[in-house]
């Protein structure tokens, strides 16, 4: 057996892989780094993780675990320095169009796609102009995060105002939005966790043309720009029973 063959055999030996995985679990960061969720994105470390995982997916490999260990630690260090934003407080904004699915079913795909394109041109620029980062697009809505909750609420106001100019097939789209402040976990290019679910539930509870914000977000808003009115009887699956929600308007 050649040296290369011996190394390959040692690398794929179950005991070698087991030891490498055990050592990896002791390192800081996400010990599951390397799956499709954690490496989704276009940051250099994520791209390298994607390629390493793809090259070694066919067989167990101790070197695979070593390589992913290095990327795992790099990700953890990046987050601790603020680059990954996994441990930072963020304002989480969700938006969507009220009754879009019912309208699209009647209007057809061509008009529906045209509407979504025009809505995107109106909704997304205010988010980016106010320092928001669009995390993902969700059909007729989106999720974005902001460092400043006031900028998130004002971006939603700007988007609502912009929609007044849109009409497709006799239909005028109506936007709703919800914002919550928390510490979501960053995994790949996405954010996950209870705080994300709460923000989504708040958005779902909003009416047409309404921006709802959680009590946690209210504490951090600029009261000179944003007026708040308590929305009573808020109850949603997946949200804390004592969650306070307010309707936000321009002051």
Foldseek 3Di string as FASTA:
>chain_A
DDPVVVVVCCFQPPVLLVVLLVVLVPADADSPQLDPFQLAEDDPLSVVSPVLCVVPVVGRGSVSSVVSSVSRNVLRVCVVVPNLLQFPKKKKKKKFWPPLVVVCVVVDDVLSVVQQVQLCVQQVVLCVVLPKDWLDADRRMTMIIHPALQSVVVSLVSSQVSQVPDDTPNDRIFMFMFIEIDRFGDRHSHTDDLRNVQRVLRRVPTDTPWYKYWPRNVVRHDCQFKDWDWDPDDDDPSHDPPITMITIDTD
